[in-house]
Protein backbone atom coordinates (compact mmCIF):
# COMPACT_ATOMS: atom_id res chain seq x y z
CA MET A 1 48.95 -67.91 17.31
CA THR A 2 47.79 -67.72 20.92
CA THR A 3 50.73 -65.44 21.70
CA ILE A 4 49.83 -63.05 18.85
CA VAL A 5 46.21 -62.83 20.00
CA ARG A 6 47.33 -62.06 23.54
CA VAL A 7 49.58 -59.26 22.28
CA LEU A 8 47.01 -57.64 19.95
CA ALA A 9 44.02 -57.90 22.31
CA PRO A 10 44.88 -54.77 24.36
CA VAL A 11 45.57 -52.77 21.19
CA LEU A 12 42.24 -53.72 19.60
CA ALA A 13 40.36 -53.00 22.80
CA ALA A 14 41.89 -49.52 22.98
CA LEU A 15 41.04 -48.86 19.32
CA PHE A 16 37.37 -49.88 19.77
CA ALA A 17 37.10 -47.73 22.89
CA THR A 18 38.42 -44.69 20.99
CA GLN A 19 35.92 -45.16 18.11
CA ALA A 20 33.01 -45.63 20.52
CA GLY A 21 33.93 -42.47 22.35
CA ALA A 22 34.11 -40.47 19.11
CA ALA A 23 30.70 -41.81 18.02
CA ALA A 24 29.17 -40.88 21.36
CA ALA A 25 30.62 -37.35 21.23
CA ALA A 26 29.46 -36.61 17.64
CA PRO A 27 25.74 -35.91 18.43
CA ALA A 28 26.72 -33.32 21.03
CA SER A 29 28.32 -31.09 18.37
CA ALA A 30 25.46 -31.42 15.82
CA PRO A 31 23.35 -28.41 16.98
CA ALA A 32 26.16 -25.94 16.17
CA PRO A 33 25.94 -26.42 12.36
CA ALA A 34 22.13 -26.41 12.61
CA ARG A 35 22.15 -23.06 14.36
CA ALA A 36 24.63 -21.68 11.83
CA ALA A 37 22.37 -22.79 8.97
CA LEU A 38 19.40 -21.05 10.58
CA GLU A 39 21.30 -17.80 10.91
CA LYS A 40 22.44 -17.96 7.25
CA GLN A 41 19.13 -18.96 5.72
CA ASP A 42 18.10 -17.47 2.34
CA ILE A 43 15.80 -14.57 3.25
CA ARG A 44 13.58 -13.43 0.38
CA ALA A 45 11.91 -10.04 0.10
CA GLN A 46 9.70 -8.27 -2.44
CA LEU A 47 9.54 -4.58 -3.30
CA SER A 48 6.18 -2.99 -2.66
CA PRO A 49 4.92 0.62 -2.81
CA ARG A 50 4.29 2.51 0.41
CA ARG A 51 0.83 3.58 -0.79
CA PHE A 52 -1.46 2.13 -3.43
CA THR A 53 -5.16 2.26 -4.16
CA THR A 54 -7.89 1.68 -6.73
CA ILE A 55 -9.49 4.80 -8.23
CA ALA A 56 -13.22 4.22 -8.80
CA ALA A 57 -16.02 6.25 -10.38
CA GLU A 58 -18.30 8.08 -7.96
CA ILE A 59 -21.00 8.77 -10.56
CA GLY A 60 -22.45 7.01 -13.57
CA ALA A 61 -21.14 8.76 -16.69
CA LYS A 62 -19.16 8.39 -19.91
CA VAL A 63 -15.37 8.65 -19.70
CA SER A 64 -14.28 11.59 -21.82
CA ARG A 65 -10.56 11.48 -21.06
CA VAL A 66 -7.98 9.29 -19.32
CA ALA A 67 -5.25 11.83 -18.67
CA VAL A 68 -2.48 9.44 -17.58
CA ALA A 69 -1.68 6.25 -19.46
CA GLU A 70 -0.72 2.93 -17.89
CA GLY A 71 2.83 3.06 -16.55
CA ALA A 72 3.01 6.87 -16.70
CA SER A 73 3.83 9.11 -13.74
CA PHE A 74 1.61 11.80 -12.23
CA ARG A 75 1.75 14.35 -9.44
CA ALA A 76 -0.57 14.83 -6.50
CA GLY A 77 -3.71 16.76 -7.46
CA GLN A 78 -3.34 16.08 -11.19
CA THR A 79 -6.53 15.05 -13.04
CA LEU A 80 -6.44 11.34 -13.81
CA VAL A 81 -9.87 10.74 -15.33
CA ALA A 82 -12.50 13.19 -16.64
CA PHE A 83 -16.15 12.39 -17.40
CA ASP A 84 -18.66 13.83 -19.85
CA CYS A 85 -20.93 15.69 -17.44
CA SER A 86 -23.06 17.73 -19.83
CA LEU A 87 -26.22 16.32 -18.20
CA GLN A 88 -25.03 17.20 -14.70
CA GLN A 89 -24.10 20.70 -15.92
CA ALA A 90 -27.59 21.17 -17.34
CA GLN A 91 -29.14 20.03 -14.07
CA LEU A 92 -27.03 22.56 -12.18
CA GLN A 93 -28.16 25.38 -14.47
CA LYS A 94 -31.76 24.34 -13.97
CA ALA A 95 -31.33 24.30 -10.19
CA LYS A 96 -29.78 27.78 -10.29
CA ALA A 97 -32.73 29.07 -12.34
CA VAL A 98 -35.20 27.61 -9.84
CA LEU A 99 -33.26 29.23 -7.00
CA ALA A 100 -33.31 32.61 -8.72
CA GLY A 101 -37.12 32.37 -9.20
CA ALA A 102 -37.65 31.29 -5.59
CA GLU A 103 -35.55 34.19 -4.32
CA ARG A 104 -37.56 36.68 -6.41
CA THR A 105 -40.83 35.29 -5.10
CA PHE A 106 -39.60 35.42 -1.53
CA SER A 107 -38.37 39.00 -1.97
CA ALA A 108 -41.74 40.05 -3.38
CA ASN A 109 -43.69 38.31 -0.63
CA LYS A 110 -41.49 39.85 2.02
CA ARG A 111 -42.25 43.33 0.69
CA LEU A 112 -45.97 42.55 0.50
CA GLU A 113 -45.86 41.25 4.06
CA GLU A 114 -44.41 44.57 5.16
CA LEU A 115 -47.38 46.26 3.46
CA ARG A 116 -49.77 43.79 5.13
CA SER A 117 -50.80 42.55 1.68
CA VAL A 118 -49.79 38.91 2.20
CA GLY A 119 -49.98 36.57 5.15
CA LYS A 120 -47.11 35.07 7.09
CA VAL A 121 -47.95 31.60 5.77
CA GLU A 122 -47.30 32.63 2.19
CA LEU A 123 -44.02 34.27 3.26
CA GLU A 124 -42.88 31.15 5.10
CA VAL A 125 -43.75 28.95 2.12
CA SER A 126 -41.72 31.11 -0.25
CA GLU A 127 -38.82 31.12 2.20
CA SER A 128 -38.97 27.32 2.36
CA GLU A 129 -38.84 27.14 -1.44
CA VAL A 130 -35.66 29.22 -1.41
CA GLY A 131 -34.09 26.78 1.05
CA LYS A 132 -34.97 23.79 -1.11
CA ALA A 133 -33.62 25.46 -4.24
CA LYS A 134 -30.33 26.26 -2.48
CA ALA A 135 -30.02 22.62 -1.39
CA ASP A 136 -30.57 21.46 -4.99
CA VAL A 137 -27.86 23.81 -6.24
CA ALA A 138 -25.45 22.57 -3.58
CA ALA A 139 -26.22 18.92 -4.42
CA ASN A 140 -25.66 19.51 -8.13
CA ASN A 141 -22.37 21.29 -7.40
CA VAL A 142 -21.18 18.28 -5.42
CA LEU A 143 -22.24 15.96 -8.23
CA LEU A 144 -20.43 18.10 -10.77
CA SER A 145 -17.25 17.99 -8.67
CA LYS A 146 -17.18 14.22 -9.20
CA CYS A 147 -16.77 14.70 -12.96
CA ALA A 148 -12.97 14.90 -12.63
CA ILE A 149 -10.89 12.60 -10.45
CA ALA A 150 -7.67 14.06 -9.05
CA ALA A 151 -4.69 12.02 -7.87
CA PRO A 152 -4.64 11.66 -4.07
CA PHE A 153 -0.83 11.38 -4.15
CA GLY A 154 2.01 11.40 -6.65
CA GLY A 155 3.02 8.13 -8.28
CA ARG A 156 2.39 5.93 -11.32
CA VAL A 157 -0.52 4.15 -12.97
CA ALA A 158 -0.13 0.42 -12.41
CA GLU A 159 -3.18 -0.66 -14.40
CA GLN A 160 -5.76 1.09 -16.59
CA LYS A 161 -9.16 -0.60 -16.33
CA VAL A 162 -11.30 1.65 -18.59
CA ARG A 163 -11.03 3.36 -21.96
CA GLU A 164 -12.20 6.71 -23.26
CA GLN A 165 -15.85 6.90 -24.38
CA GLN A 166 -16.70 3.95 -22.15
CA TYR A 167 -19.75 4.37 -19.89
CA VAL A 168 -19.08 3.45 -16.26
CA GLN A 169 -21.28 2.94 -13.23
CA ALA A 170 -20.74 4.46 -9.79
CA GLY A 171 -18.23 2.34 -7.90
CA GLN A 172 -16.63 0.84 -11.01
CA PRO A 173 -12.78 0.60 -10.80
CA LEU A 174 -10.97 2.90 -13.22
CA LEU A 175 -7.26 2.87 -12.39
CA GLU A 176 -4.83 1.08 -10.10
CA ILE A 177 -2.29 3.61 -8.85
CA LEU A 178 0.73 3.39 -6.55
CA ASP A 179 3.21 5.70 -4.86
CA ASP A 180 6.69 4.60 -5.89
CA SER A 181 8.55 7.47 -4.19
CA VAL A 182 9.63 4.99 -1.49
CA LEU A 183 9.82 1.24 -2.11
CA GLU A 184 9.41 -0.99 0.90
CA LEU A 185 10.53 -4.54 1.70
CA GLU A 186 8.75 -7.10 3.85
CA PHE A 187 10.48 -10.27 5.01
CA ILE A 188 10.67 -12.79 7.84
CA VAL A 189 13.67 -13.24 10.18
CA PRO A 190 14.35 -15.47 13.22
CA SER A 191 12.90 -13.93 16.38
CA ARG A 192 16.22 -14.40 18.21
CA TRP A 193 17.58 -11.58 16.03
CA LEU A 194 15.47 -9.14 18.04
CA ALA A 195 18.31 -9.11 20.56
CA TRP A 196 20.27 -6.89 18.17
CA LEU A 197 17.96 -5.99 15.29
CA LYS A 198 16.37 -2.54 15.75
CA PRO A 199 14.66 0.08 13.53
CA GLY A 200 17.31 1.95 11.54
CA HIS A 201 19.54 -1.13 11.13
CA ALA A 202 21.24 -0.91 7.71
CA PHE A 203 21.67 -3.88 5.39
CA GLN A 204 21.87 -4.82 1.70
CA VAL A 205 19.32 -6.44 -0.59
CA GLN A 206 20.29 -8.06 -3.90
CA ILE A 207 17.50 -7.70 -6.48
CA ASP A 208 17.16 -10.59 -8.91
CA GLU A 209 15.88 -8.53 -11.85
CA THR A 210 18.80 -6.07 -11.84
CA GLY A 211 21.52 -8.30 -10.39
CA LYS A 212 22.63 -5.43 -8.15
CA SER A 213 22.70 -4.82 -4.41
CA TYR A 214 20.99 -1.81 -2.84
CA PRO A 215 21.16 -0.24 0.63
CA ALA A 216 18.12 -0.52 2.86
CA LYS A 217 17.12 0.26 6.45
CA VAL A 218 14.73 -1.45 8.83
CA GLN A 219 11.64 0.72 9.34
CA ARG A 220 9.29 -1.33 11.50
CA ILE A 221 9.35 -4.60 13.43
CA GLY A 222 6.27 -6.81 13.59
CA ALA A 223 4.01 -6.55 16.62
CA ARG A 224 4.22 -10.25 17.51
CA VAL A 225 6.42 -13.32 17.12
CA ASP A 226 5.12 -16.48 15.49
CA PRO A 227 5.54 -19.06 18.29
CA VAL A 228 5.62 -22.02 15.89
CA SER A 229 8.34 -20.84 13.51
CA GLN A 230 9.94 -18.48 16.07
CA SER A 231 10.06 -15.75 13.44
CA VAL A 232 8.97 -12.12 13.15
CA LYS A 233 8.04 -9.88 10.21
CA LEU A 234 10.16 -6.86 9.32
CA SER A 235 9.40 -3.84 7.14
CA ALA A 236 12.27 -1.95 5.55
CA ALA A 237 12.75 0.74 2.91
CA ILE A 238 15.26 1.19 0.10
CA ALA A 239 17.64 3.96 1.13
CA GLY A 240 17.83 6.29 -1.86
CA LYS A 241 16.31 6.68 -5.33
CA PHE A 242 17.06 4.08 -7.98
CA PRO A 243 15.03 4.56 -11.20
CA GLU A 244 15.56 0.96 -12.31
CA LEU A 245 13.69 -0.40 -9.28
CA ILE A 246 9.93 -0.92 -9.58
CA ALA A 247 7.31 -2.52 -7.38
CA GLY A 248 7.06 -6.29 -7.62
CA MET A 249 10.78 -6.97 -7.99
CA SER A 250 12.24 -9.40 -5.47
CA GLY A 251 15.59 -10.52 -4.15
CA ARG A 252 17.69 -11.82 -1.27
CA VAL A 253 18.33 -9.94 1.95
CA ALA A 254 21.87 -9.85 3.31
CA ILE A 255 21.51 -8.83 6.95
CA GLY A 256 23.74 -9.55 9.92
CA ALA A 257 24.43 -8.54 13.50
CA PRO A 258 26.56 -5.45 14.16
CA ALA A 259 30.29 -6.09 14.49
CA ALA A 260 30.15 -5.56 18.26
CA GLN A 261 27.61 -8.38 18.68
């Protein structure tokens, strides 16, 4: 028995030394898979319109017509909402009548002043009345121009907040509109990618709702890096027109370094 132990002792010692060395070397190689996992993380992005806004009433009036229904498309300059402005129209006509009377009075006083039949004070008063009447006409024209709201850009109606024949107050939201001519993506990537990631970099994004991949290009890179997560925000745009894509859809970004990197 003693002889067997003496023979196996060197073998066992060598075996234990080999296992200890392998265990000590294992932690040194651990960061490599961690870095690989970081570079292959699941990057999510959501489609958003380049421009969007809320159309609100600028005057208090009754809605006579909503020209574009929810979900429908429109072009820039097209009337979206029209109001019943019969009262404002009547006020404009009244202001024009007052202006016409003031101008006649001023014209008559000016002629009398030339004949020395009226004083300068009366002439100045009538001239002042003409100025006030012109200001009233201009103010009513501006008010009347608010009776129809035109689209500031082409796009689609995302949400209709009012109905026809409904009375609205100044400042009340009427429509949510968006420009879907270009759909943008916003997502977060590791800041170390800035070594090779530049505006114009092409990549693919797989949209969950359609199950398809679409080409996209980086448009802008965030102005600062988050020091805690060591990440930076990117803005990109879908390259091309795809009618099935709408704002709010989301998916996974497949982006990688150029082949030369």
